[in-house]
Amino acid sequence: MRKMLNVLYVTTPDAFLAKDGENLVVKVQDKEIFRTPIHYLEGIVTFGYIGASPALLGLCAERGVSVTFLTGHGKFLARVSGPVKGNVLLRRKQYRIADSASECAKLASRFIIGKIANCRVVLRRFMSDHGEKCNKDIEMVSKELARNIVRLNKSSSLEEIRGIEGRVAKYYFSVFDEMILYQKESFFMRERSRRPPMDNMNALLSFLYTLLVNETKSALETVGLDPYVGFLHRDRPGRPGLALDLMEEFRPYLADRLAMTLINRRQITGDDFITKESGGVIMKDRARKTVLEAWQKRKRDEITHPFLDEKIPIGLLLYAQALLLSRYLRGDLDDYPPFIWK
């Protein structure tokens, strides 16, 4: 596992990325607004970009810095990276396991156990912090999530695991609205909607999940795994199945909690969103900047990893889990230990 460096997010829609020696230069209308040595960067993510020079893309590929292009509202367009490096035997083992229904079910259950356990911690933390504002529904859902973890441990098929995950998601989001304490006229959760999100809350969650999946892909590539061959999320052209698998554990901990914090602390408001004629909702540029700043700040906080028992920055958790997954696939670990927040 390599140390995670900074990920640069370029939110200015008319920015152009260029190379100057060993430096990345960001220009707007031919005026330099930012410069940094390329070796300081882990990745570059651009929103609604004008372009990037071939020279810069070549430098990034050579230095192992990924460049991801998103639309202004966070939809993935393309990702440029250098040659895939790593242990070819590891990737071949990954592909063999992906063809085994029983092995896929075993790993898929671990990812979803991590997700459900962390959803439950989100609910229980809210009950502990705001007991006077809780209704009995949250406690009931928390208990139901615990029962489904037991069911997952007995599951032996992907269909059964997907069914459990779907039911749990429905339970979880049914009480999500109760944890939004302020600005409830602008932020609410009636149901999860995507492609496009149909309200402010869903637009915020979708944006955070987009950030999460891109960083998960980078973490997997770092240890030599193919982010497009998953175990729970099956092969589909252009879909990073393994990245979607691994990020399940982190949706509640990294994305959901941050979304609620931003809303309850009024760091973003209803005025930060635009409803399109089609009914879809997107965030304004200033809101994206606020979310990205909070995301980067959150990644600098430290946590004791529950399996490694080491204190590491939160931004390194994805890399730690990718490393543990690779070690399991190599046979160095008897089982894959999902990240479970304590």
Protein backbone atom coordinates (compact mmCIF):
# COMPACT_ATOMS: atom_id res chain seq x y z
CA MET A 1 0.00 0.00 0.00
CA ARG A 2 1.45 3.34 -0.99
CA LYS A 3 0.81 6.51 0.93
CA MET A 4 -2.15 8.46 -0.45
CA LEU A 5 -1.20 11.89 -1.69
CA ASN A 6 -3.54 14.72 -2.60
CA VAL A 7 -6.35 14.40 -5.09
CA LEU A 8 -6.81 17.68 -6.98
CA TYR A 9 -10.40 18.58 -7.82
CA VAL A 10 -10.80 21.16 -10.59
CA THR A 11 -14.32 22.62 -10.38
CA THR A 12 -13.84 25.72 -12.56
CA PRO A 13 -15.70 24.71 -15.75
CA ASP A 14 -13.44 26.69 -18.14
CA ALA A 15 -10.13 25.52 -16.69
CA PHE A 16 -7.40 24.09 -18.93
CA LEU A 17 -4.77 21.70 -17.58
CA ALA A 18 -1.22 21.96 -18.91
CA LYS A 19 2.33 20.72 -18.26
CA ASP A 20 5.31 22.90 -17.41
CA GLY A 21 8.36 20.75 -16.77
CA GLU A 22 7.41 18.44 -13.89
CA ASN A 23 4.51 20.68 -12.85
CA LEU A 24 0.77 20.70 -13.40
CA VAL A 25 -0.52 24.15 -14.34
CA VAL A 26 -4.20 25.12 -14.30
CA LYS A 27 -5.12 28.03 -16.57
CA VAL A 28 -8.30 30.00 -17.10
CA GLN A 29 -8.36 32.16 -20.24
CA ASP A 30 -4.57 31.75 -20.53
CA LYS A 31 -4.06 33.04 -16.98
CA GLU A 32 -2.32 30.71 -14.54
CA ILE A 33 -4.42 30.16 -11.41
CA PHE A 34 -2.75 27.11 -9.88
CA ARG A 35 0.54 25.22 -10.06
CA THR A 36 1.90 22.15 -8.26
CA PRO A 37 4.64 19.55 -8.81
CA ILE A 38 3.10 16.42 -10.33
CA HIS A 39 4.64 14.15 -7.69
CA TYR A 40 2.48 15.84 -5.05
CA LEU A 41 -0.66 14.42 -6.65
CA GLU A 42 -2.45 11.08 -6.31
CA GLY A 43 -5.08 11.91 -8.85
CA ILE A 44 -6.85 14.72 -10.70
CA VAL A 45 -10.63 15.01 -11.00
CA THR A 46 -12.16 17.66 -13.26
CA PHE A 47 -15.77 18.83 -13.45
CA GLY A 48 -17.06 20.36 -16.68
CA TYR A 49 -13.60 20.85 -18.17
CA ILE A 50 -12.38 22.62 -21.33
CA GLY A 51 -9.48 20.23 -21.75
CA ALA A 52 -6.03 18.97 -20.88
CA SER A 53 -2.88 18.98 -22.98
CA PRO A 54 -1.52 15.69 -24.37
CA ALA A 55 1.80 16.52 -22.73
CA LEU A 56 0.16 16.69 -19.30
CA LEU A 57 -1.76 13.45 -19.84
CA GLY A 58 1.48 11.75 -20.84
CA LEU A 59 3.24 13.05 -17.73
CA CYS A 60 0.37 11.90 -15.50
CA ALA A 61 0.39 8.43 -17.08
CA GLU A 62 4.16 8.17 -16.62
CA ARG A 63 3.96 9.27 -12.96
CA GLY A 64 0.96 7.10 -12.08
CA VAL A 65 -1.42 10.04 -11.59
CA SER A 66 -4.94 9.25 -12.82
CA VAL A 67 -6.99 11.96 -14.54
CA THR A 68 -10.77 11.61 -14.27
CA PHE A 69 -13.21 13.68 -16.32
CA LEU A 70 -16.73 14.27 -15.00
CA THR A 71 -19.59 16.40 -16.24
CA GLY A 72 -20.52 19.51 -14.29
CA HIS A 73 -23.00 17.51 -12.19
CA GLY A 74 -20.62 14.63 -11.46
CA LYS A 75 -21.43 12.05 -14.15
CA PHE A 76 -18.40 9.96 -15.06
CA LEU A 77 -17.11 10.55 -18.61
CA ALA A 78 -13.63 9.03 -18.86
CA ARG A 79 -10.51 8.20 -16.92
CA VAL A 80 -6.95 8.40 -18.23
CA SER A 81 -4.22 6.36 -16.57
CA GLY A 82 -0.97 4.69 -17.44
CA PRO A 83 -0.35 0.97 -18.00
CA VAL A 84 -1.84 -1.34 -15.40
CA LYS A 85 0.91 -2.47 -13.08
CA GLY A 86 1.01 -5.12 -10.44
CA ASN A 87 1.16 -8.85 -9.97
CA VAL A 88 -0.28 -10.65 -13.01
CA LEU A 89 -0.83 -13.74 -10.87
CA LEU A 90 -3.02 -11.70 -8.53
CA ARG A 91 -5.21 -10.51 -11.39
CA ARG A 92 -5.49 -14.02 -12.81
CA LYS A 93 -6.59 -15.25 -9.36
CA GLN A 94 -9.15 -12.42 -9.26
CA TYR A 95 -10.58 -13.49 -12.62
CA ARG A 96 -10.77 -17.15 -11.58
CA ILE A 97 -12.61 -16.30 -8.37
CA ALA A 98 -14.99 -14.03 -10.31
CA ASP A 99 -15.98 -17.13 -12.32
CA SER A 100 -16.79 -19.12 -9.17
CA ALA A 101 -20.33 -18.63 -7.87
CA SER A 102 -19.49 -19.84 -4.36
CA GLU A 103 -16.37 -17.68 -4.04
CA CYS A 104 -18.25 -14.64 -5.35
CA ALA A 105 -21.02 -15.20 -2.82
CA LYS A 106 -18.51 -15.47 0.02
CA LEU A 107 -16.83 -12.16 -0.84
CA ALA A 108 -20.12 -10.42 -1.69
CA SER A 109 -21.47 -11.31 1.76
CA ARG A 110 -18.41 -9.71 3.38
CA PHE A 111 -18.86 -6.45 1.48
CA ILE A 112 -22.55 -6.27 2.38
CA ILE A 113 -21.96 -7.25 6.01
CA GLY A 114 -19.62 -4.28 6.23
CA LYS A 115 -22.21 -2.02 4.64
CA ILE A 116 -25.07 -3.14 6.89
CA ALA A 117 -22.94 -2.99 10.04
CA ASN A 118 -21.88 0.56 9.20
CA CYS A 119 -25.47 1.58 8.38
CA ARG A 120 -26.42 0.28 11.80
CA VAL A 121 -23.64 2.29 13.45
CA VAL A 122 -24.94 5.43 11.72
CA LEU A 123 -28.38 4.79 13.20
CA ARG A 124 -27.10 3.95 16.66
CA ARG A 125 -24.80 6.99 16.74
CA PHE A 126 -27.79 9.15 15.91
CA MET A 127 -29.84 7.53 18.68
CA SER A 128 -27.00 8.12 21.12
CA ASP A 129 -26.48 11.77 20.12
CA HIS A 130 -30.13 12.75 19.59
CA GLY A 131 -32.13 10.30 21.67
CA GLU A 132 -34.79 12.88 22.46
CA LYS A 133 -35.47 13.37 18.74
CA CYS A 134 -35.60 9.68 17.82
CA ASN A 135 -38.74 7.73 17.16
CA LYS A 136 -39.09 4.01 17.63
CA ASP A 137 -38.74 3.37 13.89
CA ILE A 138 -34.98 3.99 13.96
CA GLU A 139 -34.47 1.47 16.76
CA MET A 140 -36.67 -1.06 14.98
CA VAL A 141 -34.68 -0.65 11.74
CA SER A 142 -31.41 -1.00 13.66
CA LYS A 143 -32.59 -4.33 15.07
CA GLU A 144 -33.76 -5.48 11.64
CA LEU A 145 -30.33 -4.66 10.20
CA ALA A 146 -28.71 -6.79 12.91
CA ARG A 147 -30.97 -9.72 12.01
CA ASN A 148 -30.01 -9.39 8.35
CA ILE A 149 -26.31 -9.58 9.22
CA VAL A 150 -27.04 -12.98 10.76
CA ARG A 151 -28.91 -13.99 7.59
CA LEU A 152 -25.99 -12.92 5.44
CA ASN A 153 -23.62 -15.16 7.37
CA LYS A 154 -25.82 -18.09 6.32
CA SER A 155 -26.29 -17.01 2.70
CA SER A 156 -24.70 -19.07 -0.05
CA SER A 157 -25.96 -17.48 -3.27
CA LEU A 158 -25.56 -14.08 -4.91
CA GLU A 159 -29.31 -13.86 -5.51
CA GLU A 160 -30.03 -14.26 -1.81
CA ILE A 161 -27.35 -11.72 -0.88
CA ARG A 162 -28.70 -9.17 -3.36
CA GLY A 163 -32.18 -9.71 -1.97
CA ILE A 164 -30.99 -9.05 1.58
CA GLU A 165 -29.05 -5.96 0.48
CA GLY A 166 -32.11 -4.58 -1.31
CA ARG A 167 -34.37 -5.06 1.72
CA VAL A 168 -31.82 -3.52 4.06
CA ALA A 169 -31.39 -0.48 1.79
CA LYS A 170 -35.16 0.02 1.84
CA TYR A 171 -35.25 -0.19 5.65
CA TYR A 172 -32.29 2.15 6.04
CA PHE A 173 -33.54 4.87 3.72
CA SER A 174 -37.03 4.64 5.24
CA VAL A 175 -35.64 6.31 8.40
CA PHE A 176 -32.93 8.41 6.74
CA ASP A 177 -35.25 11.41 6.78
CA GLU A 178 -35.42 11.26 10.58
CA MET A 179 -31.69 11.99 10.80
CA ILE A 180 -32.03 15.24 8.84
CA LEU A 181 -32.63 17.66 11.70
CA TYR A 182 -32.56 21.02 9.93
CA GLN A 183 -33.55 22.54 6.59
CA LYS A 184 -36.18 19.82 6.19
CA GLU A 185 -38.10 21.90 3.67
CA SER A 186 -35.11 21.65 1.31
CA PHE A 187 -33.61 18.28 2.28
CA PHE A 188 -35.65 15.12 2.69
CA MET A 189 -35.49 11.46 1.77
CA ARG A 190 -38.68 10.00 0.36
CA GLU A 191 -36.88 7.36 -1.69
CA ARG A 192 -33.48 6.83 -3.26
CA SER A 193 -33.45 8.20 -6.82
CA ARG A 194 -30.60 8.20 -9.35
CA ARG A 195 -29.88 8.95 -12.99
CA PRO A 196 -30.99 11.64 -12.42
CA PRO A 197 -31.48 12.39 -8.71
CA MET A 198 -34.89 13.97 -8.21
CA ASP A 199 -34.31 16.02 -5.07
CA ASN A 200 -31.54 17.85 -3.22
CA MET A 201 -30.75 15.01 -0.80
CA ASN A 202 -30.35 12.46 -3.57
CA ALA A 203 -28.27 14.88 -5.63
CA LEU A 204 -25.88 15.34 -2.69
CA LEU A 205 -25.61 11.60 -2.04
CA SER A 206 -25.02 10.83 -5.71
CA PHE A 207 -22.23 13.40 -5.87
CA LEU A 208 -20.53 11.91 -2.80
CA TYR A 209 -20.90 8.36 -4.14
CA THR A 210 -19.26 9.50 -7.39
CA LEU A 211 -16.27 10.81 -5.44
CA LEU A 212 -16.13 7.56 -3.47
CA VAL A 213 -16.19 5.20 -6.46
CA ASN A 214 -13.41 7.11 -8.23
CA GLU A 215 -11.13 6.95 -5.21
CA THR A 216 -11.98 3.27 -4.72
CA LYS A 217 -10.91 2.53 -8.30
CA SER A 218 -7.58 4.22 -7.65
CA ALA A 219 -7.07 2.21 -4.45
CA LEU A 220 -7.69 -1.09 -6.26
CA GLU A 221 -5.37 -0.22 -9.12
CA THR A 222 -2.66 0.63 -6.60
CA VAL A 223 -2.51 -2.98 -5.36
CA GLY A 224 -2.74 -4.47 -8.85
CA LEU A 225 -6.43 -5.48 -8.88
CA ASP A 226 -8.73 -4.90 -11.83
CA PRO A 227 -11.46 -2.49 -10.64
CA TYR A 228 -13.80 -3.60 -13.44
CA VAL A 229 -14.10 -7.28 -12.46
CA GLY A 230 -16.30 -7.59 -9.39
CA PHE A 231 -17.84 -10.34 -7.31
CA LEU A 232 -21.18 -8.82 -6.23
CA HIS A 233 -21.54 -6.40 -9.16
CA ARG A 234 -21.19 -8.55 -12.23
CA ASP A 235 -19.41 -7.63 -15.45
CA ARG A 236 -20.97 -4.88 -17.52
CA PRO A 237 -19.13 -2.74 -20.11
CA GLY A 238 -17.78 0.42 -18.49
CA ARG A 239 -18.94 -0.50 -14.98
CA PRO A 240 -16.20 -0.76 -12.30
CA GLY A 241 -17.70 -3.80 -10.60
CA LEU A 242 -15.01 -4.38 -7.97
CA ALA A 243 -14.87 -0.68 -7.07
CA LEU A 244 -18.65 -0.76 -6.55
CA ASP A 245 -18.23 -3.90 -4.41
CA LEU A 246 -15.59 -2.40 -2.14
CA MET A 247 -17.22 1.00 -1.77
CA GLU A 248 -20.36 -0.59 -0.28
CA GLU A 249 -18.62 -0.75 3.10
CA PHE A 250 -17.90 2.98 2.99
CA ARG A 251 -21.17 4.48 1.76
CA PRO A 252 -22.60 4.98 5.29
CA TYR A 253 -19.34 5.96 6.96
CA LEU A 254 -17.84 8.32 4.37
CA ALA A 255 -20.76 9.57 2.27
CA ASP A 256 -24.01 9.38 4.26
CA ARG A 257 -22.57 10.81 7.47
CA LEU A 258 -20.87 13.64 5.62
CA ALA A 259 -24.09 14.50 3.77
CA MET A 260 -26.04 14.78 7.01
CA THR A 261 -23.29 16.83 8.66
CA LEU A 262 -23.23 19.33 5.78
CA ILE A 263 -26.99 19.75 5.98
CA ASN A 264 -27.40 19.82 9.75
CA ARG A 265 -24.57 22.34 10.09
CA ARG A 266 -26.08 24.41 7.26
CA GLN A 267 -22.85 24.31 5.26
CA ILE A 268 -25.02 23.82 2.20
CA THR A 269 -28.59 25.01 1.70
CA GLY A 270 -31.46 24.53 -0.69
CA ASP A 271 -30.23 27.53 -2.70
CA ASP A 272 -27.16 25.49 -3.70
CA PHE A 273 -29.20 23.27 -6.04
CA ILE A 274 -30.84 23.67 -9.43
CA THR A 275 -33.86 21.73 -10.69
CA LYS A 276 -33.67 21.07 -14.43
CA GLU A 277 -36.65 21.06 -16.77
CA SER A 278 -36.52 17.27 -16.79
CA GLY A 279 -36.98 17.24 -13.00
CA GLY A 280 -33.41 16.18 -12.26
CA VAL A 281 -31.47 18.11 -9.61
CA ILE A 282 -27.82 19.19 -9.75
CA MET A 283 -25.58 21.13 -7.39
CA LYS A 284 -24.23 24.57 -8.16
CA ASP A 285 -20.48 25.09 -8.46
CA ARG A 286 -20.18 26.74 -5.04
CA ALA A 287 -21.90 23.76 -3.39
CA ARG A 288 -19.54 21.32 -5.10
CA LYS A 289 -16.60 23.30 -3.77
CA THR A 290 -18.04 23.22 -0.25
CA VAL A 291 -18.60 19.46 -0.45
CA LEU A 292 -15.13 18.82 -1.87
CA GLU A 293 -13.49 20.89 0.86
CA ALA A 294 -15.40 18.94 3.52
CA TRP A 295 -14.52 15.66 1.78
CA GLN A 296 -10.82 16.45 1.76
CA LYS A 297 -10.90 17.66 5.35
CA ARG A 298 -12.68 14.49 6.43
CA LYS A 299 -10.00 12.36 4.76
CA ARG A 300 -7.32 14.02 6.89
CA ASP A 301 -8.95 12.90 10.15
CA GLU A 302 -7.46 9.79 11.72
CA ILE A 303 -9.07 6.53 12.79
CA THR A 304 -7.79 3.29 14.28
CA HIS A 305 -8.28 0.59 11.68
CA PRO A 306 -10.38 -2.17 13.30
CA PHE A 307 -8.39 -5.04 11.74
CA LEU A 308 -4.88 -3.60 11.43
CA ASP A 309 -5.17 -1.88 14.84
CA GLU A 310 -3.17 1.05 13.49
CA LYS A 311 -4.10 4.72 13.43
CA ILE A 312 -4.30 5.93 9.83
CA PRO A 313 -5.86 8.87 7.98
CA ILE A 314 -9.43 8.18 6.88
CA GLY A 315 -8.30 8.88 3.32
CA LEU A 316 -6.15 5.74 3.50
CA LEU A 317 -8.97 3.39 4.53
CA LEU A 318 -9.80 2.47 0.94
CA TYR A 319 -6.16 1.64 0.30
CA ALA A 320 -6.00 -0.46 3.46
CA GLN A 321 -9.06 -2.47 2.43
CA ALA A 322 -7.76 -2.90 -1.12
CA LEU A 323 -4.53 -4.28 0.34
CA LEU A 324 -6.41 -6.68 2.64
CA LEU A 325 -8.52 -7.85 -0.30
CA SER A 326 -5.42 -8.51 -2.40
CA ARG A 327 -3.84 -10.45 0.45
CA TYR A 328 -6.94 -12.60 0.80
CA LEU A 329 -6.95 -13.34 -2.93
CA ARG A 330 -3.28 -14.29 -2.75
CA GLY A 331 -4.03 -16.69 0.10
CA ASP A 332 -2.19 -14.70 2.78
CA LEU A 333 -5.43 -14.26 4.79
CA ASP A 334 -8.05 -16.92 5.55
CA ASP A 335 -10.90 -14.48 4.99
CA TYR A 336 -11.48 -10.90 3.86
CA PRO A 337 -12.17 -8.61 6.85
CA PRO A 338 -14.60 -5.84 5.84
CA PHE A 339 -14.19 -2.38 7.34
CA ILE A 340 -16.64 -2.06 10.23
CA TRP A 341 -16.84 1.28 11.99
CA LYS A 342 -16.75 1.15 15.77
